[in-house]
Amino acid sequence: MKLTFDPKYNIAYIALRENPEQVETIHPSDELKVDIAAEGTVYGIELLNAAAQLGQSLVIRDAAGRESEIQLPTASPLAA
């Protein structure tokens, strides 16, 4: 899994795996897009207005149960 965040546009993308050649993007809400392959596998999730949805930090837990916190950059005022 890979999380990217673009503070200029206030968009985050959670890539769960590499995209196949073709995915369908569904729009469950105005601030959420989900990329799904033909067989139904979810490949990625895009969050618009990401700073509000994710908060100021993320907590990552590794396989051994250790946690680390990552501070997210503040969204640019241009993204509003």
Protein backbone atom coordinates (compact mmCIF):
# COMPACT_ATOMS: atom_id res chain seq x y z
CA MET A 1 0.00 0.00 0.00
CA LYS A 2 1.18 3.50 -0.79
CA LEU A 3 -0.36 6.77 0.36
CA THR A 4 0.40 9.97 -1.54
CA PHE A 5 -0.84 13.43 -0.59
CA ASP A 6 -0.76 16.55 -2.77
CA PRO A 7 -1.12 19.59 -0.50
CA LYS A 8 -1.48 21.97 -3.45
CA TYR A 9 -4.69 20.28 -4.61
CA ASN A 10 -5.59 18.70 -1.22
CA ILE A 11 -5.92 15.22 -2.74
CA ALA A 12 -4.74 11.91 -1.30
CA TYR A 13 -4.46 8.61 -3.15
CA ILE A 14 -4.24 5.27 -1.39
CA ALA A 15 -2.80 2.74 -3.85
CA LEU A 16 -3.57 -0.76 -2.62
CA ARG A 17 -1.75 -2.41 -5.54
CA GLU A 18 -0.45 -1.50 -8.98
CA ASN A 19 -3.22 -0.63 -11.40
CA PRO A 20 -4.05 -3.08 -14.16
CA GLU A 21 -4.36 -1.63 -17.64
CA GLN A 22 -8.04 -0.85 -17.15
CA VAL A 23 -9.96 0.13 -14.05
CA GLU A 24 -13.39 1.58 -13.58
CA THR A 25 -13.63 4.56 -11.26
CA ILE A 26 -16.75 4.76 -9.19
CA HIS A 27 -17.82 7.88 -7.28
CA PRO A 28 -19.56 6.90 -4.01
CA SER A 29 -19.58 10.58 -2.98
CA ASP A 30 -18.36 14.00 -4.11
CA GLU A 31 -15.11 13.56 -2.15
CA LEU A 32 -14.38 9.87 -2.81
CA LYS A 33 -13.35 7.92 -5.90
CA VAL A 34 -12.57 4.19 -5.97
CA ASP A 35 -10.64 2.43 -8.76
CA ILE A 36 -11.92 -1.12 -9.35
CA ALA A 37 -10.75 -3.76 -11.86
CA ALA A 38 -13.19 -5.77 -13.96
CA GLU A 39 -13.07 -8.72 -11.52
CA GLY A 40 -14.05 -6.42 -8.64
CA THR A 41 -10.65 -5.95 -6.96
CA VAL A 42 -10.12 -2.50 -5.44
CA TYR A 43 -6.89 -0.94 -6.69
CA GLY A 44 -6.98 2.53 -5.21
CA ILE A 45 -8.95 5.14 -3.34
CA GLU A 46 -8.79 8.86 -4.06
CA LEU A 47 -9.83 11.35 -1.38
CA LEU A 48 -10.73 14.88 -2.40
CA ASN A 49 -10.62 17.46 0.40
CA ALA A 50 -8.16 15.00 1.91
CA ALA A 51 -6.85 17.14 4.78
CA ALA A 52 -10.32 17.28 6.32
CA GLN A 53 -10.86 13.54 5.81
CA LEU A 54 -7.47 12.32 7.03
CA GLY A 55 -6.80 14.77 9.83
CA GLN A 56 -3.35 16.06 10.76
CA SER A 57 -1.55 12.74 11.10
CA LEU A 58 -1.62 9.05 10.30
CA VAL A 59 -0.62 6.22 12.60
CA ILE A 60 1.16 3.34 10.89
CA ARG A 61 1.35 -0.06 12.60
CA ASP A 62 3.91 -2.57 11.31
CA ALA A 63 3.65 -6.37 11.42
CA ALA A 64 5.36 -6.46 14.83
CA GLY A 65 2.74 -4.09 16.28
CA ARG A 66 5.05 -1.07 16.50
CA GLU A 67 3.34 2.21 15.74
CA SER A 68 4.73 5.37 14.21
CA GLU A 69 2.94 8.62 13.54
CA ILE A 70 3.33 10.62 10.33
CA GLN A 71 2.38 14.30 10.24
CA LEU A 72 0.60 15.27 7.05
CA PRO A 73 1.43 18.55 5.33
CA THR A 74 -1.20 21.25 5.56
CA ALA A 75 -3.32 21.74 2.45
CA SER A 76 -2.61 24.87 0.45
CA PRO A 77 -5.19 27.69 0.62
CA LEU A 78 -5.34 27.42 -3.18
CA ALA A 79 -6.99 24.03 -2.84
CA ALA A 80 -10.17 25.46 -1.34
